[in-house]
C-alpha atoms as a PDB file:
ATOM      1  CA  MET A   1     -14.822  -4.594  13.259  1.00  0.00           C
ATOM      2  CA  ALA A   2     -15.702  -3.638   9.548  1.00  0.00           C
ATOM      3  CA  GLU A   3     -18.902  -4.862   8.342  1.00  0.00           C
ATOM      4  CA  PRO A   4     -18.865  -6.918   5.189  1.00  0.00           C
ATOM      5  CA  LEU A   5     -20.283  -4.991   1.866  1.00  0.00           C
ATOM      6  CA  THR A   6     -23.725  -6.310   1.041  1.00  0.00           C
ATOM      7  CA  GLY A   7     -23.924  -7.821  -2.563  1.00  0.00           C
ATOM      8  CA  GLU A   8     -25.853  -4.524  -3.948  1.00  0.00           C
ATOM      9  CA  GLN A   9     -23.290  -2.267  -2.641  1.00  0.00           C
ATOM     10  CA  ILE A  10     -20.836  -4.485  -4.198  1.00  0.00           C
ATOM     11  CA  ALA A  11     -22.565  -4.512  -7.370  1.00  0.00           C
ATOM     12  CA  ALA A  12     -22.480  -1.032  -7.585  1.00  0.00           C
ATOM     13  CA  LEU A  13     -18.640  -0.272  -6.856  1.00  0.00           C
ATOM     14  CA  HIS A  14     -17.611  -0.792 -10.229  1.00  0.00           C
ATOM     15  CA  ALA A  15     -19.220   2.960 -10.979  1.00  0.00           C
ATOM     16  CA  ASP A  16     -17.165   4.365  -7.898  1.00  0.00           C
ATOM     17  CA  LEU A  17     -13.980   2.320  -8.434  1.00  0.00           C
ATOM     18  CA  PRO A  18     -14.509   1.748 -12.835  1.00  0.00           C
ATOM     19  CA  VAL A  19     -10.921   0.337 -13.269  1.00  0.00           C
ATOM     20  CA  TRP A  20     -11.318  -2.386  -9.692  1.00  0.00           C
ATOM     21  CA  ARG A  21     -12.923  -5.963 -10.392  1.00  0.00           C
ATOM     22  CA  ILE A  22     -14.072  -8.698  -8.360  1.00  0.00           C
ATOM     23  CA  GLU A  23     -12.257 -11.961  -8.420  1.00  0.00           C
ATOM     24  CA  GLU A  24     -12.346 -14.800  -6.384  1.00  0.00           C
ATOM     25  CA  GLY A  25     -14.174 -12.650  -3.547  1.00  0.00           C
ATOM     26  CA  MET A  26     -11.608  -9.694  -3.628  1.00  0.00           C
ATOM     27  CA  LEU A  27     -11.287  -6.681  -5.144  1.00  0.00           C
ATOM     28  CA  VAL A  28      -8.892  -6.341  -7.486  1.00  0.00           C
ATOM     29  CA  ARG A  29      -6.846  -3.891  -9.523  1.00  0.00           C
ATOM     30  CA  ASP A  30      -3.880  -4.351 -12.248  1.00  0.00           C
ATOM     31  CA  VAL A  31      -1.423  -1.404 -12.640  1.00  0.00           C
ATOM     32  CA  GLN A  32       0.970  -1.120 -15.294  1.00  0.00           C
ATOM     33  CA  ALA A  33       3.779   1.067 -14.177  1.00  0.00           C
ATOM     34  CA  PRO A  34       5.960   2.727 -16.808  1.00  0.00           C
ATOM     35  CA  SER A  35       9.090   1.552 -15.537  1.00  0.00           C
ATOM     36  CA  PHE A  36      10.472  -0.803 -12.665  1.00  0.00           C
ATOM     37  CA  PRO A  37      11.885   1.456 -10.128  1.00  0.00           C
ATOM     38  CA  ILE A  38       8.200   3.307 -10.591  1.00  0.00           C
ATOM     39  CA  ALA A  39       6.777   0.446  -9.776  1.00  0.00           C
ATOM     40  CA  ILE A  40       8.656  -0.223  -6.684  1.00  0.00           C
ATOM     41  CA  ASP A  41       7.813   3.732  -6.160  1.00  0.00           C
ATOM     42  CA  TYR A  42       3.955   2.860  -5.830  1.00  0.00           C
ATOM     43  CA  VAL A  43       4.367   0.231  -3.916  1.00  0.00           C
ATOM     44  CA  VAL A  44       6.029   2.096  -0.767  1.00  0.00           C
ATOM     45  CA  ALA A  45       3.404   4.601  -1.423  1.00  0.00           C
ATOM     46  CA  ILE A  46       0.597   1.712  -0.981  1.00  0.00           C
ATOM     47  CA  SER A  47       2.492   0.433   1.780  1.00  0.00           C
ATOM     48  CA  ALA A  48       2.619   3.705   3.759  1.00  0.00           C
ATOM     49  CA  ALA A  49      -1.128   4.903   2.941  1.00  0.00           C
ATOM     50  CA  ALA A  50      -2.119   1.003   4.332  1.00  0.00           C
ATOM     51  CA  GLU A  51      -0.291   1.385   7.166  1.00  0.00           C
ATOM     52  CA  GLU A  52      -1.677   4.581   8.499  1.00  0.00           C
ATOM     53  CA  MET A  53      -4.689   2.895   7.557  1.00  0.00           C
ATOM     54  CA  ASP A  54      -3.926  -0.307   9.588  1.00  0.00           C
ATOM     55  CA  HIS A  55      -5.305  -2.271   6.182  1.00  0.00           C
ATOM     56  CA  HIS A  56      -3.234  -4.085   4.212  1.00  0.00           C
ATOM     57  CA  PRO A  57      -3.365  -5.227   0.124  1.00  0.00           C
ATOM     58  CA  ASP A  58      -1.987  -8.522  -1.154  1.00  0.00           C
ATOM     59  CA  ILE A  59       0.772  -7.002  -3.281  1.00  0.00           C
ATOM     60  CA  ASP A  60       2.352  -9.086  -6.906  1.00  0.00           C
ATOM     61  CA  ILE A  61       4.845  -7.272  -8.546  1.00  0.00           C
ATOM     62  CA  ARG A  62       6.147  -8.793 -11.643  1.00  0.00           C
ATOM     63  CA  TRP A  63       8.417  -6.451 -13.256  1.00  0.00           C
ATOM     64  CA  ARG A  64       6.263  -2.993 -14.197  1.00  0.00           C
ATOM     65  CA  HIS A  65       3.594  -4.688 -13.436  1.00  0.00           C
ATOM     66  CA  LEU A  66       1.962  -4.514  -9.903  1.00  0.00           C
ATOM     67  CA  ARG A  67      -1.728  -6.893  -8.927  1.00  0.00           C
ATOM     68  CA  LEU A  68      -3.225  -5.398  -5.809  1.00  0.00           C
ATOM     69  CA  ALA A  69      -6.090  -7.373  -4.260  1.00  0.00           C
ATOM     70  CA  LEU A  70      -7.749  -5.914  -1.221  1.00  0.00           C
ATOM     71  CA  VAL A  71     -10.295  -7.452   1.132  1.00  0.00           C
ATOM     72  CA  THR A  72     -10.921  -7.468   5.010  1.00  0.00           C
ATOM     73  CA  HIS A  73      -9.348 -10.283   6.811  1.00  0.00           C
ATOM     74  CA  SER A  74     -10.901  -9.879  10.451  1.00  0.00           C
ATOM     75  CA  ALA A  75     -14.423  -9.600   8.175  1.00  0.00           C
ATOM     76  CA  GLY A  76     -14.281 -13.483   7.397  1.00  0.00           C
ATOM     77  CA  GLY A  77     -12.096 -12.554   3.741  1.00  0.00           C
ATOM     78  CA  ARG A  78     -14.668 -10.263   2.960  1.00  0.00           C
ATOM     79  CA  ILE A  79     -15.153  -6.939   1.099  1.00  0.00           C
ATOM     80  CA  THR A  80     -15.589  -4.038   3.513  1.00  0.00           C
ATOM     81  CA  ASP A  81     -15.818   0.066   3.548  1.00  0.00           C
ATOM     82  CA  LEU A  82     -11.723  -0.338   4.676  1.00  0.00           C
ATOM     83  CA  ASP A  83     -11.266  -2.111   1.441  1.00  0.00           C
ATOM     84  CA  VAL A  84     -13.219   0.737  -0.547  1.00  0.00           C
ATOM     85  CA  ALA A  85     -11.431   3.347   1.197  1.00  0.00           C
ATOM     86  CA  LEU A  86      -8.050   1.683   0.675  1.00  0.00           C
ATOM     87  CA  ALA A  87      -8.923   1.220  -3.443  1.00  0.00           C
ATOM     88  CA  ARG A  88      -9.471   4.918  -3.725  1.00  0.00           C
ATOM     89  CA  ARG A  89      -5.983   5.600  -1.557  1.00  0.00           C
ATOM     90  CA  ILE A  90      -4.378   3.390  -4.019  1.00  0.00           C
ATOM     91  CA  ASP A  91      -5.748   5.262  -7.448  1.00  0.00           C
ATOM     92  CA  ASP A  92      -5.060   8.365  -5.777  1.00  0.00           C
ATOM     93  CA  ILE A  93      -1.374   7.100  -5.689  1.00  0.00           C
ATOM     94  CA  VAL A  94      -1.142   5.577  -9.065  1.00  0.00           C
ATOM     95  CA  GLY A  95      -3.382   8.100 -10.792  1.00  0.00           C
END
C-alpha cells in the first residue's frame, strides 16, 4: 500500500508540480484545452496512463475545461507518491 506523504513532502510539491495545488486534501489541477475534442483526447490519454498505473483520478469535464483531482483512497484518502507520479504523467500528456 502507498504511504501518505508527510506535511513537509506535501509542502514541497509546489516546487515539483507548480501547476497543481492542494484543495480539500487532494492534489488538484485545472486544464483549459484549446477545444472540446482535444479535452476529450486528454481524458482518453489520462485514462490510459491511469489504467497502466492502476491509479485513477477524479475528472470533471466542462466543455474545454478539465478539473483533475488525485488522492489515494487505499491510503485513507491522502496524497501519496502514486498521486505525484500520476500528476507527472498528466503534466506530460497535457503539456
